[in-house]
């Protein structure tokens, strides 16, 4: 394993002079991806056409790439499969959890969860009937809200706004003690720090790959099913490729073996090829080393900003045990401040109503980038460079 992140930085194609602190939203382009995708297009799609499903082993890619992701999230081999979008995987996981707990009707989550997870849970409740409901509490109240009415605990491990991190092992154990199923969204965890799904006893987990795993916009999502549930979890979205024998073309659904049943539609081969190439960056990298570097860089950023920008309010926990790999500050003019930063080559993002969010990704960010980001932010705040009309004009994507 290596801690030489100078070497990993060379594996990314980053614009000259940019400090990219938005890998928690969209990871940068790994240099190996364009050639890999081009070969998939030219040699496989172009040269093999439909035979590539067999000759290039396209059909097995969701499981093969899933095993590569499994290493980064502490999952057992054969327990992760790729495909579809995160919203689809959230729906599948919650629905399977409810089916495994038929005497209960409550999905418990928190108001720090990403809205799409809540939307999918609401939609599922409407589909199942009026007696199903989503209960949403504050993040700090989750543990006390887990009781014998809860069928499924559904949480995103890291709050997308503040970076606050739940204790997966403790909350999963509490859920199990109360007879509930635990579903975890790892969108801001996978590739950010060590995750131990198997050790924590999680029942289901889902996540996207276009953030810390750098698969590119629209990259495929993943779903984890604990091996103890793999042959009893019922997929609510019973797609063709989750069938036990897709090419038998049965008119009735029979679930595939294990996590294969969680496949739905045709796998996105070009996006899987991009992800497969992007995952090469992780070869020889230990998640513990990523975590240590991330915390060091985040502390440096926090200390620098607090000293230089007294008008910004830190909303990310100082305690490293309860934070992910991002740092967030609040300010009433957060959107304009972020646009001023971006115009000066320091790229983070904004989350309503007032959050400036910065992802700390040691694979390609070091102390020089952190120090430059602090200096530019200090100048923007001290000279009120954000106070211009062009920085207040909201774009479609913030």
Protein backbone atom coordinates (compact mmCIF):
# COMPACT_ATOMS: atom_id res chain seq x y z
CA UNK A 1 0.00 0.00 0.00
CA UNK A 2 1.10 3.59 -0.55
CA UNK A 3 0.72 6.98 1.06
CA UNK A 4 2.38 8.73 -1.89
CA UNK A 5 -0.55 10.81 -3.08
CA UNK A 6 1.76 12.77 -5.36
CA UNK A 7 1.75 9.62 -7.48
CA UNK A 8 -2.03 9.31 -7.47
CA UNK A 9 -2.46 12.96 -8.35
CA UNK A 10 -0.58 12.31 -11.57
CA UNK A 11 -3.32 9.84 -12.50
CA UNK A 12 -5.91 12.63 -12.81
CA UNK A 13 -6.49 15.14 -15.57
CA UNK A 14 -7.05 18.37 -13.63
CA UNK A 15 -7.14 21.84 -15.24
CA UNK A 16 -3.90 23.73 -14.72
CA UNK A 17 -4.08 26.12 -11.75
CA UNK A 18 -7.42 24.89 -10.42
CA UNK A 19 -7.92 23.87 -6.79
CA UNK A 20 -10.68 21.30 -7.10
CA UNK A 21 -12.55 20.87 -3.83
CA UNK A 22 -15.74 19.46 -5.32
CA UNK A 23 -14.86 15.79 -5.71
CA UNK A 24 -17.57 15.07 -3.16
CA UNK A 25 -20.05 16.12 -5.87
CA UNK A 26 -18.32 15.09 -9.11
CA UNK A 27 -14.90 13.51 -9.13
CA UNK A 28 -12.33 14.68 -11.70
CA UNK A 29 -11.36 12.70 -14.78
CA UNK A 30 -8.81 9.92 -14.25
CA UNK A 31 -6.34 9.96 -17.14
CA UNK A 32 -6.94 6.30 -17.96
CA UNK A 33 -10.67 6.70 -18.54
CA UNK A 34 -10.79 8.23 -22.07
CA UNK A 35 -8.65 5.49 -23.62
CA UNK A 36 -10.56 2.76 -21.82
CA UNK A 37 -13.92 4.09 -22.93
CA UNK A 38 -12.58 4.62 -26.47
CA UNK A 39 -11.42 1.00 -26.62
CA UNK A 40 -14.79 -0.18 -25.37
CA UNK A 41 -16.49 1.84 -28.09
CA UNK A 42 -14.07 1.06 -30.91
CA UNK A 43 -12.89 -2.51 -30.25
CA UNK A 44 -15.83 -3.97 -28.38
CA UNK A 45 -18.97 -2.18 -29.54
CA UNK A 46 -17.47 -1.31 -32.93
CA UNK A 47 -15.53 -4.51 -33.60
CA UNK A 48 -17.60 -7.14 -31.83
CA UNK A 49 -21.07 -5.57 -31.95
CA UNK A 50 -23.61 -7.70 -30.12
CA UNK A 51 -21.16 -10.54 -29.60
CA UNK A 52 -19.34 -8.31 -27.09
CA UNK A 53 -21.90 -9.33 -24.48
CA UNK A 54 -20.07 -12.67 -24.53
CA UNK A 55 -16.64 -11.99 -26.07
CA UNK A 56 -15.95 -8.88 -23.96
CA UNK A 57 -17.89 -10.34 -21.02
CA UNK A 58 -20.14 -7.31 -20.77
CA UNK A 59 -22.82 -9.33 -18.98
CA UNK A 60 -20.53 -10.02 -16.03
CA UNK A 61 -19.34 -6.43 -15.60
CA UNK A 62 -21.89 -5.44 -12.91
CA UNK A 63 -20.65 -8.18 -10.59
CA UNK A 64 -16.96 -7.93 -11.48
CA UNK A 65 -16.85 -4.18 -10.98
CA UNK A 66 -19.07 -4.60 -7.92
CA UNK A 67 -16.38 -6.72 -6.32
CA UNK A 68 -13.87 -3.92 -6.91
CA UNK A 69 -16.16 -1.46 -5.14
CA UNK A 70 -16.80 -4.00 -2.37
CA UNK A 71 -13.15 -3.79 -1.28
CA UNK A 72 -13.52 -0.06 -0.67
CA UNK A 73 -16.66 -0.38 1.46
CA UNK A 74 -15.83 -3.39 3.60
CA UNK A 75 -18.27 -5.68 1.84
CA UNK A 76 -17.96 -9.41 1.33
CA UNK A 77 -16.98 -10.66 -2.16
CA UNK A 78 -20.06 -11.29 -4.28
CA UNK A 79 -22.30 -8.99 -2.24
CA UNK A 80 -22.25 -5.87 -4.44
CA UNK A 81 -23.69 -5.39 -7.92
CA UNK A 82 -23.59 -2.32 -10.15
CA UNK A 83 -26.24 -0.73 -12.32
CA UNK A 84 -29.04 1.80 -12.64
CA UNK A 85 -29.07 4.99 -10.57
CA UNK A 86 -28.77 5.61 -6.85
CA UNK A 87 -32.46 6.48 -6.59
CA UNK A 88 -33.38 3.10 -8.08
CA UNK A 89 -31.08 1.31 -5.66
CA UNK A 90 -32.51 3.24 -2.70
CA UNK A 91 -36.01 2.14 -3.73
CA UNK A 92 -34.90 -1.48 -4.08
CA UNK A 93 -33.19 -1.56 -0.70
CA UNK A 94 -36.05 0.04 1.22
CA UNK A 95 -38.67 -2.13 -0.49
CA UNK A 96 -36.70 -5.30 0.26
CA UNK A 97 -36.30 -4.24 3.87
CA UNK A 98 -40.02 -3.60 4.26
CA UNK A 99 -40.81 -6.98 2.73
CA UNK A 100 -38.54 -8.62 5.31
CA UNK A 101 -40.39 -6.86 8.13
CA UNK A 102 -44.04 -7.23 7.09
CA UNK A 103 -45.62 -6.55 10.49
CA UNK A 104 -44.28 -2.98 10.58
CA UNK A 105 -45.03 0.09 8.49
CA UNK A 106 -42.54 2.85 9.46
CA UNK A 107 -39.43 3.94 7.57
CA UNK A 108 -37.23 6.05 9.85
CA UNK A 109 -34.79 8.61 8.45
CA UNK A 110 -33.39 12.03 9.32
CA UNK A 111 -33.59 15.54 7.90
CA UNK A 112 -29.90 15.42 7.01
CA UNK A 113 -30.59 12.70 4.47
CA UNK A 114 -30.30 13.57 0.81
CA UNK A 115 -33.77 14.59 -0.41
CA UNK A 116 -33.98 11.97 -3.17
CA UNK A 117 -33.76 9.20 -0.56
CA UNK A 118 -36.70 10.75 1.27
CA UNK A 119 -38.60 11.23 -1.99
CA UNK A 120 -38.13 7.57 -2.91
CA UNK A 121 -39.32 6.49 0.52
CA UNK A 122 -42.38 8.74 0.26
CA UNK A 123 -43.21 7.36 -3.17
CA UNK A 124 -42.86 3.79 -1.95
CA UNK A 125 -45.16 4.51 0.99
CA UNK A 126 -47.79 5.93 -1.37
CA UNK A 127 -47.56 2.82 -3.49
CA UNK A 128 -47.88 0.44 -0.56
CA UNK A 129 -50.81 2.21 1.10
CA UNK A 130 -51.86 4.78 3.64
CA UNK A 131 -50.71 2.75 6.63
CA UNK A 132 -47.07 3.06 5.53
CA UNK A 133 -45.24 6.23 6.50
CA UNK A 134 -41.88 7.90 6.50
CA UNK A 135 -40.81 9.33 9.85
CA UNK A 136 -38.12 12.02 9.70
CA UNK A 137 -36.25 13.26 12.78
CA UNK A 138 -33.17 15.37 13.45
CA UNK A 139 -29.88 13.48 13.00
CA UNK A 140 -29.09 13.63 16.69
CA UNK A 141 -32.50 12.15 17.52
CA UNK A 142 -32.25 9.04 15.33
CA UNK A 143 -31.06 6.65 18.03
CA UNK A 144 -33.90 7.53 20.40
CA UNK A 145 -36.46 7.27 17.59
CA UNK A 146 -35.63 3.62 16.82
CA UNK A 147 -38.43 1.62 18.44
CA UNK A 148 -40.58 -1.42 17.80
CA UNK A 149 -42.69 0.40 15.20
CA UNK A 150 -39.76 0.91 12.83
CA UNK A 151 -39.49 -1.52 9.93
CA UNK A 152 -36.53 0.06 8.15
CA UNK A 153 -33.89 2.52 9.31
CA UNK A 154 -32.73 4.37 6.18
CA UNK A 155 -29.84 6.81 6.59
CA UNK A 156 -27.10 8.44 4.58
CA UNK A 157 -23.95 7.88 6.62
CA UNK A 158 -22.58 11.39 5.95
CA UNK A 159 -24.84 14.44 5.86
CA UNK A 160 -24.41 15.95 2.41
CA UNK A 161 -24.62 19.51 3.79
CA UNK A 162 -22.66 19.51 7.04
CA UNK A 163 -20.41 16.46 6.71
CA UNK A 164 -21.71 15.08 10.01
CA UNK A 165 -21.18 11.31 10.14
CA UNK A 166 -23.47 8.77 11.75
CA UNK A 167 -22.08 5.87 13.76
CA UNK A 168 -23.04 3.06 11.39
CA UNK A 169 -22.13 0.20 13.71
CA UNK A 170 -23.93 1.63 16.73
CA UNK A 171 -27.11 2.60 14.88
CA UNK A 172 -27.24 -0.69 12.99
CA UNK A 173 -26.92 -2.58 16.27
CA UNK A 174 -29.67 -0.44 17.78
CA UNK A 175 -31.91 -1.06 14.78
CA UNK A 176 -31.38 -4.80 15.00
CA UNK A 177 -32.05 -4.82 18.74
CA UNK A 178 -35.40 -3.16 17.99
CA UNK A 179 -36.17 -5.61 15.17
CA UNK A 180 -35.55 -3.16 12.31
CA UNK A 181 -33.63 -3.50 9.06
CA UNK A 182 -30.73 -1.07 8.46
CA UNK A 183 -30.23 0.51 5.01
CA UNK A 184 -27.23 2.80 4.48
CA UNK A 185 -26.58 5.29 1.68
CA UNK A 186 -22.82 5.56 1.11
CA UNK A 187 -22.89 8.35 -1.48
CA UNK A 188 -20.54 10.47 0.64
CA UNK A 189 -18.67 7.53 2.18
CA UNK A 190 -17.47 5.22 -0.59
CA UNK A 191 -13.95 6.29 -1.46
CA UNK A 192 -13.90 8.97 1.24
CA UNK A 193 -12.92 6.89 4.28
CA UNK A 194 -12.92 3.26 5.43
CA UNK A 195 -16.37 1.68 5.54
CA UNK A 196 -16.99 -1.69 7.19
CA UNK A 197 -20.38 -2.91 6.02
CA UNK A 198 -19.70 -6.50 7.02
CA UNK A 199 -18.30 -5.58 10.41
CA UNK A 200 -21.16 -3.18 11.14
CA UNK A 201 -23.74 -5.81 10.24
CA UNK A 202 -25.53 -3.60 7.71
CA UNK A 203 -28.44 -5.26 5.96
CA UNK A 204 -28.39 -3.21 2.75
CA UNK A 205 -26.27 -0.37 1.40
CA UNK A 206 -26.36 1.72 -1.74
CA UNK A 207 -24.19 4.40 -3.25
CA UNK A 208 -23.19 6.34 -6.33
CA UNK A 209 -19.77 6.24 -7.98
CA UNK A 210 -19.39 9.66 -9.60
CA UNK A 211 -18.23 11.40 -6.42
CA UNK A 212 -15.17 10.02 -4.63
CA UNK A 213 -14.93 7.03 -7.01
CA UNK A 214 -14.60 9.31 -10.06
CA UNK A 215 -16.73 7.35 -12.56
CA UNK A 216 -17.99 10.48 -14.34
CA UNK A 217 -21.41 12.16 -14.60
CA UNK A 218 -24.21 9.64 -14.45
CA UNK A 219 -21.87 6.83 -13.38
CA UNK A 220 -23.63 3.64 -12.25
CA UNK A 221 -24.80 3.11 -8.69
CA UNK A 222 -24.24 0.04 -6.54
CA UNK A 223 -26.27 -1.99 -4.10
CA UNK A 224 -25.01 -4.20 -1.30
CA UNK A 225 -27.07 -7.03 0.14
CA UNK A 226 -25.71 -8.77 3.22
CA UNK A 227 -25.00 -12.41 2.31
CA UNK A 228 -27.39 -13.59 5.01
CA UNK A 229 -30.22 -11.89 3.11
CA UNK A 230 -29.05 -12.46 -0.45
CA UNK A 231 -31.37 -15.36 -1.27
CA UNK A 232 -34.42 -14.04 0.56
CA UNK A 233 -34.45 -10.34 -0.35
CA UNK A 234 -37.33 -9.71 -2.74
CA UNK A 235 -36.60 -7.15 -5.47
CA UNK A 236 -39.59 -4.86 -5.87
CA UNK A 237 -38.20 -3.84 -9.27
CA UNK A 238 -38.06 -7.30 -10.79
CA UNK A 239 -36.20 -6.52 -13.97
CA UNK A 240 -35.22 -8.84 -16.80
CA UNK A 241 -31.57 -9.03 -15.81
CA UNK A 242 -32.46 -9.84 -12.20
CA UNK A 243 -34.23 -12.98 -13.40
CA UNK A 244 -32.75 -16.38 -12.61
CA UNK A 245 -32.51 -17.16 -16.33
CA UNK A 246 -32.89 -13.98 -18.42
CA UNK A 247 -32.49 -15.76 -21.74
CA UNK A 248 -35.10 -18.37 -20.98
CA UNK A 249 -37.58 -15.53 -21.52
CA UNK A 250 -40.02 -16.86 -18.94
CA UNK A 251 -43.21 -14.85 -18.67
CA UNK A 252 -43.10 -15.02 -14.86
CA UNK A 253 -40.33 -13.64 -12.70
CA UNK A 254 -37.98 -15.88 -10.75
CA UNK A 255 -35.31 -14.04 -8.75
CA UNK A 256 -31.68 -14.64 -9.61
CA UNK A 257 -29.20 -16.10 -7.18
CA UNK A 258 -27.91 -13.80 -4.45
CA UNK A 259 -27.26 -10.16 -5.21
CA UNK A 260 -27.78 -10.83 -8.96
CA UNK A 261 -31.52 -10.47 -8.30
CA UNK A 262 -30.95 -6.77 -7.64
CA UNK A 263 -30.02 -6.15 -11.27
CA UNK A 264 -32.80 -4.37 -13.14
CA UNK A 265 -32.08 -3.00 -16.60
CA UNK A 266 -29.38 -3.40 -19.22
CA UNK A 267 -26.05 -2.48 -17.65
CA UNK A 268 -24.54 0.84 -18.81
CA UNK A 269 -21.44 -0.63 -20.41
CA UNK A 270 -19.69 2.61 -21.36
CA UNK A 271 -20.16 4.02 -17.87
CA UNK A 272 -19.05 0.75 -16.28
CA UNK A 273 -15.93 0.85 -18.44
CA UNK A 274 -15.22 4.38 -17.20
CA UNK A 275 -15.70 3.28 -13.59
CA UNK A 276 -13.55 0.19 -14.08
CA UNK A 277 -10.69 2.36 -15.34
CA UNK A 278 -11.23 4.92 -12.57
CA UNK A 279 -10.98 2.20 -9.93
CA UNK A 280 -7.44 1.44 -11.10
CA UNK A 281 -6.42 4.59 -9.21
CA UNK A 282 -7.25 2.76 -5.99
CA UNK A 283 -4.95 -0.19 -6.64
CA UNK A 284 -2.36 -0.14 -3.87
CA UNK A 285 -4.15 2.58 -1.91
CA UNK A 286 -5.29 1.82 1.64
CA UNK A 287 -8.48 3.48 2.83
CA UNK A 288 -6.88 4.04 6.26
CA UNK A 289 -4.19 6.16 4.57
CA UNK A 290 -6.84 8.11 2.68
CA UNK A 291 -8.63 8.78 5.96
CA UNK A 292 -5.51 9.94 7.80
CA UNK A 293 -4.57 12.33 5.01
CA UNK A 294 -8.13 13.61 4.67
CA UNK A 295 -8.39 14.46 8.37
CA UNK A 296 -5.02 16.23 8.36
CA UNK A 297 -5.95 18.32 5.33
CA UNK A 298 -9.43 19.08 6.67
CA UNK A 299 -8.04 20.26 10.01
CA UNK A 300 -5.58 22.49 8.18
CA UNK A 301 -8.39 23.96 6.10
CA UNK A 302 -10.68 24.48 9.09
CA UNK A 303 -8.00 26.19 11.16
CA UNK A 304 -6.94 28.42 8.28
CA UNK A 305 -10.46 29.54 7.38
CA UNK A 306 -11.53 30.16 10.97
CA UNK A 307 -8.45 32.31 11.54
CA UNK A 308 -8.81 34.30 8.31
CA UNK A 309 -12.58 34.45 7.77
CA UNK A 310 -14.40 35.25 11.03
CA UNK A 311 -17.67 35.87 9.18
CA UNK A 312 -17.91 32.23 8.13
CA UNK A 313 -19.54 29.77 10.54
CA UNK A 314 -18.19 26.23 10.65
CA UNK A 315 -21.03 23.67 10.46
CA UNK A 316 -18.87 20.56 10.11
CA UNK A 317 -18.05 18.78 13.40
CA UNK A 318 -14.54 19.36 14.70
CA UNK A 319 -14.46 15.83 16.13
CA UNK A 320 -12.95 13.64 13.38
CA UNK A 321 -14.89 10.61 14.61
CA UNK A 322 -18.19 12.16 13.54
CA UNK A 323 -17.33 13.80 10.24
CA UNK A 324 -16.85 12.58 6.71
CA UNK A 325 -14.39 13.98 4.16
CA UNK A 326 -15.85 17.42 3.54
CA UNK A 327 -15.81 20.76 5.31
CA UNK A 328 -18.77 23.11 5.26
CA UNK A 329 -19.19 26.72 6.33
CA UNK A 330 -22.35 28.80 6.48
CA UNK A 331 -22.90 32.41 5.43
CA UNK A 332 -26.04 34.27 4.30
CA UNK A 333 -24.26 35.12 1.03
CA UNK A 334 -22.93 31.61 0.57
CA UNK A 335 -23.94 31.30 -3.07
CA UNK A 336 -22.25 34.54 -4.15
CA UNK A 337 -19.14 33.73 -2.13
CA UNK A 338 -18.83 30.37 -3.84
CA UNK A 339 -19.21 31.92 -7.29
CA UNK A 340 -16.45 34.40 -6.47
CA UNK A 341 -14.20 31.53 -5.38
CA UNK A 342 -14.91 29.53 -8.52
CA UNK A 343 -14.09 32.57 -10.66
CA UNK A 344 -10.68 32.59 -8.99
CA UNK A 345 -9.94 28.93 -9.54
CA UNK A 346 -11.04 27.44 -6.21
CA UNK A 347 -13.95 25.11 -6.91
CA UNK A 348 -16.35 23.98 -4.21
CA UNK A 349 -20.13 24.06 -4.29
CA UNK A 350 -23.17 25.56 -2.58
CA UNK A 351 -26.07 23.86 -0.85
CA UNK A 352 -29.20 25.75 0.12
CA UNK A 353 -29.89 27.68 2.14
CA UNK A 354 -26.42 28.99 3.07
CA UNK A 355 -23.78 26.22 2.91
CA UNK A 356 -20.37 26.50 1.23
CA UNK A 357 -19.15 22.93 0.80
CA UNK A 358 -15.57 21.75 0.20
CA UNK A 359 -14.58 18.15 -0.49
CA UNK A 360 -11.22 16.95 0.84
CA UNK A 361 -9.84 14.29 -1.49
CA UNK A 362 -6.18 13.35 -0.83
CA UNK A 363 -5.84 11.40 -4.08
CA UNK A 364 -5.28 14.74 -5.81
CA UNK A 365 -5.42 17.45 -3.10
CA UNK A 366 -2.46 18.30 -0.87
CA UNK A 367 -1.35 21.03 1.51
CA UNK A 368 -0.49 23.44 -1.30
CA UNK A 369 -4.03 23.33 -2.62
CA UNK A 370 -5.50 23.68 0.86
CA UNK A 371 -3.33 26.71 1.61
CA UNK A 372 -4.21 28.36 -1.68
CA UNK A 373 -7.92 27.77 -1.08
CA UNK A 374 -7.65 29.40 2.36
CA UNK A 375 -5.79 32.38 0.92
CA UNK A 376 -8.26 32.94 -1.91
CA UNK A 377 -11.25 32.57 0.39
CA UNK A 378 -9.70 35.03 2.83
CA UNK A 379 -9.24 37.59 0.03
CA UNK A 380 -12.80 37.09 -1.23
CA UNK A 381 -14.18 37.67 2.26
CA UNK A 382 -11.85 40.50 3.33
CA UNK A 383 -12.37 42.50 0.13
CA UNK A 384 -16.04 41.53 -0.28
CA UNK A 385 -15.28 40.34 -3.79
CA UNK A 386 -18.46 38.28 -3.71
CA UNK A 387 -20.63 41.41 -3.62
CA UNK A 388 -21.18 41.67 -7.37
CA UNK A 389 -24.40 41.14 -9.34
CA UNK A 390 -22.91 38.43 -11.55
CA UNK A 391 -22.14 36.27 -8.51
CA UNK A 392 -25.73 36.45 -7.26
CA UNK A 393 -27.30 35.17 -10.46
CA UNK A 394 -28.36 31.58 -9.76
CA UNK A 395 -27.43 28.92 -12.31
CA UNK A 396 -29.59 25.84 -12.85
CA UNK A 397 -27.07 23.70 -10.95
CA UNK A 398 -25.64 25.14 -7.73
